[in-house]
Protein backbone atom coordinates (compact mmCIF):
# COMPACT_ATOMS: atom_id res chain seq x y z
CA UNK A 1 100.07 112.56 109.88
CA UNK A 2 96.51 112.64 108.59
CA UNK A 3 97.95 113.12 105.11
CA UNK A 4 100.03 109.97 105.60
CA UNK A 5 96.94 108.03 106.64
CA UNK A 6 94.89 109.33 103.74
CA UNK A 7 97.65 108.32 101.39
CA UNK A 8 97.91 104.77 102.67
CA UNK A 9 94.65 103.92 104.46
CA UNK A 10 93.13 101.99 101.57
CA UNK A 11 96.13 100.47 99.87
CA UNK A 12 98.60 99.59 102.62
CA UNK A 13 98.96 95.99 101.45
CA UNK A 14 100.20 97.07 98.02
CA UNK A 15 102.43 99.72 99.57
CA UNK A 16 104.11 97.12 101.72
CA UNK A 17 104.46 94.89 98.67
CA UNK A 18 106.03 97.69 96.65
CA UNK A 19 108.69 98.18 99.26
CA UNK A 20 107.58 101.04 101.51
CA UNK A 21 109.22 99.04 104.28
CA UNK A 22 112.84 98.73 103.15
CA UNK A 23 113.81 95.17 102.36
CA UNK A 24 117.50 94.34 102.54
CA UNK A 25 118.36 91.35 100.39
CA UNK A 26 121.18 89.48 102.04
CA UNK A 27 122.66 88.10 98.87
CA UNK A 28 123.12 91.65 97.57
CA UNK A 29 126.05 92.07 99.90
CA UNK A 30 128.00 89.23 98.30
CA UNK A 31 131.43 89.99 96.92
CA UNK A 32 131.68 90.97 93.26
CA UNK A 33 135.34 91.33 92.41
CA UNK A 34 137.19 92.13 89.21
CA UNK A 35 134.82 94.80 87.91
CA UNK A 36 135.94 97.83 85.97
CA UNK A 37 135.57 101.42 87.13
CA UNK A 38 133.37 102.11 84.09
CA UNK A 39 130.66 99.93 85.67
CA UNK A 40 130.43 102.07 88.81
CA UNK A 41 126.93 103.32 89.64
CA UNK A 42 127.80 105.33 92.74
CA UNK A 43 130.55 105.71 95.32
CA UNK A 44 129.93 106.27 99.03
CA UNK A 45 132.97 107.20 101.12
CA UNK A 46 135.27 105.58 98.59
CA UNK A 47 133.33 102.32 98.35
CA UNK A 48 131.88 101.68 94.89
CA UNK A 49 128.63 99.97 93.96
CA UNK A 50 128.68 98.47 90.49
CA UNK A 51 126.37 97.73 87.57
CA UNK A 52 126.35 94.04 88.49
CA UNK A 53 124.97 94.98 91.92
CA UNK A 54 122.14 96.87 90.25
CA UNK A 55 121.14 94.02 87.96
CA UNK A 56 121.30 91.56 90.83
CA UNK A 57 118.95 93.78 92.84
CA UNK A 58 116.71 94.31 89.82
CA UNK A 59 116.37 90.57 89.18
CA UNK A 60 115.51 89.99 92.83
CA UNK A 61 112.72 92.54 92.66
CA UNK A 62 111.35 90.86 89.53
CA UNK A 63 111.45 87.47 91.26
CA UNK A 64 109.79 88.96 94.34
CA UNK A 65 106.86 90.29 92.33
CA UNK A 66 106.55 87.12 90.29
CA UNK A 67 106.37 85.05 93.46
CA UNK A 68 103.92 87.42 95.17
CA UNK A 69 101.63 87.81 92.17
CA UNK A 70 101.99 84.22 90.98
CA UNK A 71 102.13 85.22 87.30
CA UNK A 72 104.85 86.08 84.76
CA UNK A 73 105.49 89.79 84.26
CA UNK A 74 105.38 91.33 80.79
CA UNK A 75 107.68 94.15 79.70
CA UNK A 76 104.80 96.63 80.01
CA UNK A 77 104.06 95.47 83.56
CA UNK A 78 107.73 95.77 84.50
CA UNK A 79 107.77 99.34 83.21
CA UNK A 80 104.58 100.23 85.07
CA UNK A 81 106.02 98.88 88.34
CA UNK A 82 109.12 101.06 87.82
CA UNK A 83 111.31 98.28 89.21
CA UNK A 84 114.55 99.70 87.81
CA UNK A 85 114.06 102.90 89.77
CA UNK A 86 113.15 100.88 92.87
CA UNK A 87 116.29 98.76 92.51
CA UNK A 88 118.46 101.84 92.03
CA UNK A 89 116.96 103.64 95.03
CA UNK A 90 117.21 100.47 97.12
CA UNK A 91 120.96 100.19 96.53
CA UNK A 92 121.55 103.77 97.65
CA UNK A 93 119.27 103.39 100.67
CA UNK A 94 120.95 100.17 101.74
CA UNK A 95 124.40 101.73 101.46
CA UNK A 96 123.29 104.74 103.51
CA UNK A 97 121.63 102.56 106.16
CA UNK A 98 124.85 100.59 106.60
CA UNK A 99 126.84 103.80 106.82
CA UNK A 100 124.48 105.10 109.52
CA UNK A 101 124.79 101.84 111.44
CA UNK A 102 128.58 101.94 111.31
CA UNK A 103 128.78 105.61 112.34
CA UNK A 104 126.34 104.96 115.20
CA UNK A 105 128.65 102.34 116.65
CA UNK A 106 126.15 99.53 116.26
CA UNK A 107 127.65 96.05 116.26
CA UNK A 108 126.47 92.53 115.56
CA UNK A 109 127.71 89.73 117.79
CA UNK A 110 128.87 86.41 116.35
CA UNK A 111 126.01 84.68 118.20
CA UNK A 112 123.48 86.92 116.43
CA UNK A 113 124.90 85.98 113.05
CA UNK A 114 124.82 82.29 113.93
CA UNK A 115 121.24 82.50 115.21
CA UNK A 116 120.10 84.29 112.05
CA UNK A 117 121.64 81.61 109.84
CA UNK A 118 120.47 78.57 111.80
CA UNK A 119 116.91 79.92 112.09
CA UNK A 120 116.60 80.88 108.42
CA UNK A 121 113.73 78.76 106.97
CA UNK A 122 115.71 78.34 103.75
CA UNK A 123 118.23 76.20 105.63
CA UNK A 124 115.82 74.11 107.72
CA UNK A 125 114.85 70.53 107.07
CA UNK A 126 112.00 69.20 109.21
CA UNK A 127 112.36 72.28 111.40
CA UNK A 128 116.06 71.71 112.10
CA UNK A 129 119.08 73.51 110.63
CA UNK A 130 120.67 71.36 107.93
CA UNK A 131 124.30 72.25 107.19
CA UNK A 132 124.35 70.33 103.91
CA UNK A 133 121.27 72.23 102.72
CA UNK A 134 122.92 75.48 103.84
CA UNK A 135 126.12 74.79 101.93
CA UNK A 136 124.23 73.60 98.83
CA UNK A 137 122.10 76.76 98.80
CA UNK A 138 125.19 78.95 99.03
CA UNK A 139 126.90 76.95 96.30
CA UNK A 140 123.93 77.47 93.96
CA UNK A 141 124.18 81.20 94.66
CA UNK A 142 127.96 81.10 94.05
CA UNK A 143 128.73 82.29 97.56
CA UNK A 144 131.04 80.93 100.23
CA UNK A 145 129.98 80.61 103.91
CA UNK A 146 132.46 83.34 104.85
CA UNK A 147 130.96 85.81 102.37
CA UNK A 148 127.42 84.90 103.39
CA UNK A 149 128.20 85.39 107.08
CA UNK A 150 129.64 88.81 106.31
CA UNK A 151 126.54 89.65 104.30
CA UNK A 152 124.32 88.50 107.17
CA UNK A 153 126.25 90.74 109.53
CA UNK A 154 125.54 93.74 107.29
CA UNK A 155 121.90 92.74 106.99
CA UNK A 156 121.53 92.59 110.77
CA UNK A 157 123.20 95.98 111.13
CA UNK A 158 120.68 97.50 108.74
CA UNK A 159 117.86 95.71 110.55
CA UNK A 160 118.91 97.28 113.84
CA UNK A 161 118.56 100.74 112.31
CA UNK A 162 115.09 99.86 111.05
CA UNK A 163 114.10 98.46 114.44
CA UNK A 164 115.27 101.62 116.19
CA UNK A 165 113.12 103.74 113.90
CA UNK A 166 110.17 101.36 114.33
CA UNK A 167 110.41 101.47 118.12
CA UNK A 168 110.67 105.25 118.02
CA UNK A 169 107.37 105.75 116.19
CA UNK A 170 104.55 105.07 118.65
CA UNK A 171 100.95 105.19 117.49
CA UNK A 172 98.23 106.74 119.64
CA UNK A 173 94.67 105.44 119.95
CA UNK A 174 93.38 108.64 118.36
CA UNK A 175 95.56 108.02 115.29
CA UNK A 176 94.22 104.48 115.10
CA UNK A 177 90.66 105.78 115.27
CA UNK A 178 91.40 108.24 112.46
CA UNK A 179 92.83 105.43 110.36
CA UNK A 180 89.87 103.17 111.11
CA UNK A 181 87.41 105.91 110.21
CA UNK A 182 89.11 106.45 106.87
CA UNK A 183 88.83 102.75 106.12
CA UNK A 184 85.31 102.15 107.38
CA UNK A 185 83.35 105.37 107.86
CA UNK A 186 80.96 106.33 105.08
CA UNK A 187 80.01 109.91 104.29
CA UNK A 188 77.12 111.55 102.46
CA UNK A 189 77.82 114.61 100.32
CA UNK A 190 75.46 117.18 98.84
CA UNK A 191 76.53 118.83 95.62
CA UNK A 192 75.61 121.38 92.99
CA UNK A 193 76.59 120.30 89.48
CA UNK A 194 77.52 122.96 86.93
CA UNK A 195 77.96 121.69 83.36
CA UNK A 196 80.22 123.60 80.96
CA UNK A 197 77.66 122.90 78.22
CA UNK A 198 75.33 125.43 79.84
CA UNK A 199 77.93 128.13 79.14
CA UNK A 200 78.65 127.34 75.48
CA UNK A 201 76.22 129.97 74.20
CA UNK A 202 77.96 132.64 76.29
CA UNK A 203 81.27 132.14 74.50
CA UNK A 204 82.25 134.63 71.80
CA UNK A 205 85.01 133.51 69.46
CA UNK A 206 86.75 135.50 66.73
CA UNK A 207 88.48 133.92 63.75
CA UNK A 208 91.90 135.27 64.75
CA UNK A 209 91.62 133.53 68.09
CA UNK A 210 90.89 130.20 66.41
CA UNK A 211 93.87 130.49 64.08
CA UNK A 212 96.15 131.44 66.96
CA UNK A 213 94.94 128.46 69.00
CA UNK A 214 95.51 126.13 66.06
CA UNK A 215 99.00 127.52 65.53
CA UNK A 216 99.90 126.88 69.18
CA UNK A 217 98.30 123.41 69.33
CA UNK A 218 98.87 122.00 65.85
CA UNK A 219 100.10 118.63 67.08
CA UNK A 220 96.80 118.05 68.89
CA UNK A 221 94.98 118.07 65.56
CA UNK A 222 97.30 115.64 63.78
CA UNK A 223 95.33 113.46 61.40
CA UNK A 224 96.18 109.79 62.03
CA UNK A 225 97.32 107.32 59.40
CA UNK A 226 94.54 106.55 56.95
CA UNK A 227 93.96 103.18 55.30
CA UNK A 228 91.92 101.88 52.40
CA UNK A 229 91.63 98.14 51.90
CA UNK A 230 90.34 95.76 49.28
CA UNK A 231 89.02 92.38 50.25
CA UNK A 232 87.44 89.19 49.01
CA UNK A 233 84.65 87.67 51.08
CA UNK A 234 84.07 83.92 50.98
CA UNK A 235 80.59 83.63 52.47
CA UNK A 236 79.48 80.27 53.82
CA UNK A 237 76.11 80.80 52.12
CA UNK A 238 77.86 80.70 48.73
CA UNK A 239 79.32 77.27 49.49
CA UNK A 240 76.16 75.59 50.74
CA UNK A 241 76.50 71.87 49.83
CA UNK A 242 73.97 70.85 47.19
CA UNK A 243 72.38 67.46 46.85
CA UNK A 244 73.20 66.41 50.43
CA UNK A 245 69.65 66.50 51.76
CA UNK A 246 70.37 64.18 54.71
CA UNK A 247 72.61 66.71 56.44
CA UNK A 248 71.26 68.68 59.40
CA UNK A 249 71.32 72.48 59.35
CA UNK A 250 74.34 72.50 61.64
CA UNK A 251 76.17 69.95 59.48
CA UNK A 252 75.41 71.90 56.30
CA UNK A 253 76.78 75.09 57.89
CA UNK A 254 79.94 73.31 59.03
CA UNK A 255 80.46 71.82 55.57
CA UNK A 256 79.88 75.21 53.91
CA UNK A 257 82.45 76.87 56.20
CA UNK A 258 84.99 74.17 55.35
CA UNK A 259 84.48 74.71 51.61
CA UNK A 260 84.67 78.50 52.03
CA UNK A 261 87.93 78.14 53.96
CA UNK A 262 89.41 75.96 51.23
CA UNK A 263 88.53 78.58 48.60
CA UNK A 264 89.95 81.39 50.74
CA UNK A 265 93.22 79.53 51.35
CA UNK A 266 93.59 78.72 47.65
CA UNK A 267 93.04 82.38 46.79
CA UNK A 268 95.58 83.45 49.40
CA UNK A 269 98.29 81.06 48.22
CA UNK A 270 97.81 81.93 44.55
CA UNK A 271 97.69 85.69 45.04
CA UNK A 272 100.66 85.57 47.43
CA UNK A 273 102.80 83.79 44.84
CA UNK A 274 101.62 85.63 41.73
CA UNK A 275 100.81 89.05 43.27
CA UNK A 276 97.66 89.27 41.16
CA UNK A 277 94.84 90.22 43.54
CA UNK A 278 92.66 91.98 40.96
CA UNK A 279 93.41 89.52 38.14
CA UNK A 280 92.67 86.49 40.32
CA UNK A 281 89.36 87.93 41.46
CA UNK A 282 88.38 88.70 37.86
CA UNK A 283 89.39 85.22 36.69
CA UNK A 284 87.36 83.50 39.43
CA UNK A 285 84.44 85.88 39.24
CA UNK A 286 84.89 87.11 42.82
CA UNK A 287 83.58 90.53 43.77
CA UNK A 288 86.26 92.89 45.11
CA UNK A 289 84.98 94.96 48.01
CA UNK A 290 86.72 98.25 48.76
CA UNK A 291 86.53 100.31 51.93
CA UNK A 292 86.58 104.09 52.27
CA UNK A 293 89.57 105.61 54.09
CA UNK A 294 89.57 104.97 57.85
CA UNK A 295 91.96 105.14 60.81
CA UNK A 296 93.01 102.49 63.31
CA UNK A 297 90.97 104.23 66.01
CA UNK A 298 87.83 104.41 63.89
CA UNK A 299 87.45 101.05 62.18
CA UNK A 300 84.36 100.50 60.03
CA UNK A 301 81.77 98.42 61.88
CA UNK A 302 82.11 95.58 59.40
CA UNK A 303 85.82 95.19 60.31
CA UNK A 304 85.82 95.90 64.04
CA UNK A 305 84.42 92.46 64.94
CA UNK A 306 87.22 90.57 63.16
CA UNK A 307 89.84 89.20 65.54
CA UNK A 308 93.31 90.72 65.07
CA UNK A 309 92.15 92.90 62.15
CA UNK A 310 94.40 95.80 63.12
CA UNK A 311 97.44 93.58 63.63
CA UNK A 312 96.91 91.44 60.54
CA UNK A 313 95.81 94.10 58.05
CA UNK A 314 96.97 97.56 59.08
CA UNK A 315 100.57 96.46 59.57
CA UNK A 316 100.82 95.34 55.93
CA UNK A 317 102.70 97.24 53.27
CA UNK A 318 100.76 98.57 50.30
CA UNK A 319 99.56 95.77 47.97
CA UNK A 320 100.47 93.05 50.49
CA UNK A 321 97.76 90.56 51.42
CA UNK A 322 96.74 89.38 54.85
CA UNK A 323 96.29 85.95 56.25
CA UNK A 324 92.77 84.53 55.99
CA UNK A 325 90.51 86.06 58.66
CA UNK A 326 87.16 84.70 59.74
CA UNK A 327 83.85 85.44 61.38
CA UNK A 328 80.71 83.33 61.76
CA UNK A 329 79.58 84.26 58.23
CA UNK A 330 82.68 83.20 56.33
CA UNK A 331 86.29 84.12 55.50
CA UNK A 332 88.09 87.27 54.37
CA UNK A 333 91.24 87.96 52.40
CA UNK A 334 92.48 91.57 52.61
CA UNK A 335 94.86 93.64 50.56
CA UNK A 336 96.14 96.96 51.89
CA UNK A 337 95.40 99.21 48.92
CA UNK A 338 96.51 102.64 50.16
CA UNK A 339 98.19 103.88 53.32
CA UNK A 340 98.32 107.62 53.96
CA UNK A 341 100.83 108.78 56.59
CA UNK A 342 99.78 110.85 59.57
CA UNK A 343 99.96 114.58 58.92
CA UNK A 344 99.22 117.97 60.40
CA UNK A 345 96.23 119.38 58.50
CA UNK A 346 95.65 122.86 57.18
CA UNK A 347 93.57 125.10 59.43
CA UNK A 348 90.69 125.07 56.95
CA UNK A 349 90.43 121.28 57.22
CA UNK A 350 89.89 121.27 60.97
CA UNK A 351 88.39 124.70 61.59
CA UNK A 352 85.18 123.23 63.00
CA UNK A 353 87.12 120.98 65.38
CA UNK A 354 89.29 123.91 66.48
CA UNK A 355 86.22 126.05 67.11
CA UNK A 356 84.60 123.25 69.12
CA UNK A 357 87.76 122.80 71.20
CA UNK A 358 88.16 126.52 71.89
CA UNK A 359 84.48 127.01 72.65
CA UNK A 360 84.48 124.13 75.13
CA UNK A 361 87.65 125.39 76.79
CA UNK A 362 86.20 128.88 77.19
CA UNK A 363 82.95 127.40 78.50
CA UNK A 364 84.92 125.34 81.04
CA UNK A 365 86.61 128.54 82.21
CA UNK A 366 83.26 130.32 82.61
CA UNK A 367 81.85 127.29 84.41
CA UNK A 368 84.78 127.21 86.84
CA UNK A 369 84.50 130.94 87.51
CA UNK A 370 80.78 130.63 88.28
CA UNK A 371 81.41 127.63 90.55
CA UNK A 372 84.05 129.54 92.51
CA UNK A 373 81.71 132.52 92.95
CA UNK A 374 78.91 130.29 94.25
CA UNK A 375 81.29 128.39 96.55
CA UNK A 376 82.54 131.68 97.99
CA UNK A 377 78.97 132.76 98.71
CA UNK A 378 78.24 129.46 100.45
CA UNK A 379 81.39 129.67 102.57
CA UNK A 380 80.29 133.15 103.67
CA UNK A 381 77.09 131.67 105.05
CA UNK A 382 74.49 131.90 102.30
CA UNK A 383 71.93 129.11 102.21
CA UNK A 384 72.55 126.37 99.65
CA UNK A 385 68.82 125.96 98.98
CA UNK A 386 68.46 129.66 98.21
CA UNK A 387 71.41 129.64 95.81
CA UNK A 388 70.18 126.47 94.12
CA UNK A 389 66.77 128.05 93.54
CA UNK A 390 68.32 131.28 92.29
CA UNK A 391 70.52 129.46 89.76
CA UNK A 392 67.93 126.77 89.00
CA UNK A 393 70.35 124.03 89.99
CA UNK A 394 69.17 120.83 91.61
CA UNK A 395 70.71 119.91 94.97
CA UNK A 396 71.87 116.32 94.63
CA UNK A 397 73.34 113.78 97.05
CA UNK A 398 75.88 111.03 96.65
CA UNK A 399 74.33 108.83 99.32
CA UNK A 400 76.59 107.13 101.85
CA UNK A 401 79.87 105.89 100.37
CA UNK A 402 83.48 105.20 101.27
CA UNK A 403 85.67 107.93 99.77
CA UNK A 404 87.71 106.62 96.86
CA UNK A 405 88.44 107.25 93.21
CA UNK A 406 84.83 106.74 92.18
CA UNK A 407 82.10 108.69 93.92
CA UNK A 408 78.40 107.87 93.40
CA UNK A 409 76.75 110.23 90.88
CA UNK A 410 80.05 112.06 90.32
CA UNK A 411 82.09 109.32 88.69
CA UNK A 412 85.86 108.94 88.90
CA UNK A 413 87.52 111.97 90.46
CA UNK A 414 91.15 113.09 90.31
CA UNK A 415 93.43 113.91 93.24
CA UNK A 416 90.90 116.54 94.32
CA UNK A 417 88.84 113.71 95.82
CA UNK A 418 91.20 113.76 98.83
CA UNK A 419 89.37 116.86 100.04
CA UNK A 420 86.33 114.71 100.81
CA UNK A 421 88.23 113.20 103.76
CA UNK A 422 88.61 116.63 105.34
CA UNK A 423 84.98 117.75 105.28
CA UNK A 424 82.95 117.88 108.49
CA UNK A 425 80.12 119.75 110.17
CA UNK A 426 82.62 122.41 111.21
CA UNK A 427 84.10 122.64 107.71
CA UNK A 428 81.36 121.62 105.28
CA UNK A 429 82.89 123.16 102.14
CA UNK A 430 86.27 122.62 100.44
CA UNK A 431 88.52 125.47 99.36
CA UNK A 432 87.81 124.94 95.66
CA UNK A 433 85.18 123.54 93.34
CA UNK A 434 85.94 120.00 92.18
CA UNK A 435 86.35 119.30 88.43
CA UNK A 436 84.28 116.47 86.95
CA UNK A 437 83.96 115.08 83.44
CA UNK A 438 81.61 117.77 82.13
CA UNK A 439 82.23 120.73 84.43
CA UNK A 440 82.51 121.40 88.15
CA UNK A 441 80.72 120.44 91.34
CA UNK A 442 80.42 122.33 94.59
CA UNK A 443 80.35 119.76 97.37
CA UNK A 444 78.96 120.17 100.86
CA UNK A 445 79.38 117.76 103.75
CA UNK A 446 76.03 116.47 104.97
CA UNK A 447 76.58 113.57 107.37
CA UNK A 448 78.73 110.66 108.40
CA UNK A 449 77.62 107.10 108.90
CA UNK A 450 78.14 105.22 112.14
CA UNK A 451 81.11 102.94 112.77
CA UNK A 452 81.32 99.67 114.67
CA UNK A 453 83.28 100.50 117.83
CA UNK A 454 83.49 96.85 118.85
CA UNK A 455 85.06 95.96 115.50
CA UNK A 456 87.50 98.81 116.03
CA UNK A 457 88.54 97.42 119.41
CA UNK A 458 88.97 93.96 117.91
CA UNK A 459 91.15 95.25 115.07
CA UNK A 460 93.31 97.71 117.05
CA UNK A 461 96.25 95.33 117.31
CA UNK A 462 96.46 94.78 113.55
CA UNK A 463 95.80 98.45 112.81
CA UNK A 464 98.56 99.51 115.19
CA UNK A 465 101.07 97.20 113.51
CA UNK A 466 100.12 98.42 110.04
CA UNK A 467 100.18 102.09 110.95
CA UNK A 468 103.38 101.81 112.93
CA UNK A 469 105.07 100.25 109.92
CA UNK A 470 103.76 103.06 107.73
CA UNK A 471 104.97 105.74 110.13
CA UNK A 472 108.34 104.05 110.56
CA UNK A 473 108.78 103.70 106.80
CA UNK A 474 107.87 107.35 106.28
CA UNK A 475 110.26 108.45 109.02
CA UNK A 476 113.07 106.24 107.73
CA UNK A 477 112.59 107.44 104.16
CA UNK A 478 112.61 111.07 105.31
CA UNK A 479 115.77 110.50 107.34
CA UNK A 480 117.57 108.64 104.55
CA UNK A 481 116.62 111.28 101.96
CA UNK A 482 118.04 113.96 104.23
CA UNK A 483 121.19 111.92 104.79
CA UNK A 484 121.53 111.41 101.03
CA UNK A 485 121.34 115.16 100.38
CA UNK A 486 123.98 115.81 103.05
CA UNK A 487 126.31 113.14 101.66
CA UNK A 488 125.93 114.55 98.14
CA UNK A 489 126.59 118.07 99.35
CA UNK A 490 129.70 116.97 101.25
CA UNK A 491 130.97 115.04 98.22
CA UNK A 492 130.97 111.75 100.10
CA UNK A 493 128.28 110.29 97.81
CA UNK A 494 129.06 110.48 94.11
CA UNK A 495 126.44 109.19 91.66
CA UNK A 496 128.04 108.09 88.39
CA UNK A 497 124.97 106.74 86.56
CA UNK A 498 121.22 107.37 86.64
CA UNK A 499 118.41 104.91 85.92
CA UNK A 500 118.23 106.25 82.36
CA UNK A 501 121.81 105.05 81.85
CA UNK A 502 121.00 101.48 82.94
């Protein structure tokens, strides 16, 4: 249970939003007739769920997130939210919940269905059920009252299962205190920091080892696409208006930029039509600048400040010209001169990089081994001050902080940070050293901060509701997953498509 609390103590709002408490969308249960067997996603006890059901559920999840977040969702955001998988899992869970309800003999009375409909805020006008609004809403969703009432019955059946699980997951005061501590209690950690760089000189590397490493990791040394560009620069200073002495400095700059832009646009249009970049520059007396080869991830400083440089220039074909780009100094017209494809280099080309990689990896291994030895000595009772003096390592402290991804003086930690929740006076050391950006740290619990007991008492009601929902969701998910495995094993649940097929 502590693991459950650690997992959700700091992000329960997002977990609820993402659907840790199962949401049954009533309109999902509407009738979808006339579909072909080829569209079947899964079959449970002879009843099929179809592709149209999936996309209906998927669209509802998208709408839910759009409404909650208040912003449109891009394709990348949709992928990161994994909504297709959520929609797929939701359909299976809903079908299993209904099956459980039916097999448990649970029923929904006609009065319950009527109460659910007449109290639904979507059908209320001025706080009173409005039949015309009800019928209009159903019509817009292409659903008859009979179908909606049947769907509501199924929804209420599923809700009864959820309520039974919720009522069967009590939360003790000690669990609430543990949850509150994880949210509010700060800790202070001592640590010894071992950097892998201190072990680099201890690494011995033979040439055969380097070549073997390169052979096994060639793709990691792939040289990216390389580009060389030519460009014309229309500097505002070269178009400074002459003879207009009454203009202010700002007005002269603005006028010069306008003239430079006109020249750049004329050059662009002419070169675009005649494909004569070099000839045009020679005719007009413009200097052609040429860059050395560079990659998209290592732009020359004099290009990196230009807006959309990568998009506008590096996506060109060889000898194509870009649109006119600008900075505060003037305007640029680029031609992509040469584009070299990405390639795997010969060992001789990257030997130094390979040696650096292997040396650092070996040093990391030595660093980890040393950290584990020191941690073992500390766990056996040796004094941390004595060991620090022996190894000439400074004992550092994080200061009081709330455990999270980022720890003061240690930076952003990986999943290993969870161990910080478990440390105490009785167990001051973790089982393993914790990896950090440049090596390993051995952490030691020092002290906990105080918590506000009055605030805890005032927040117990809300904490209990949150934690009970988390426990119920965990229990329901565990039960449904077990039921799913049993149904699959018995052949009652047959999955015809996976998310990758949708």
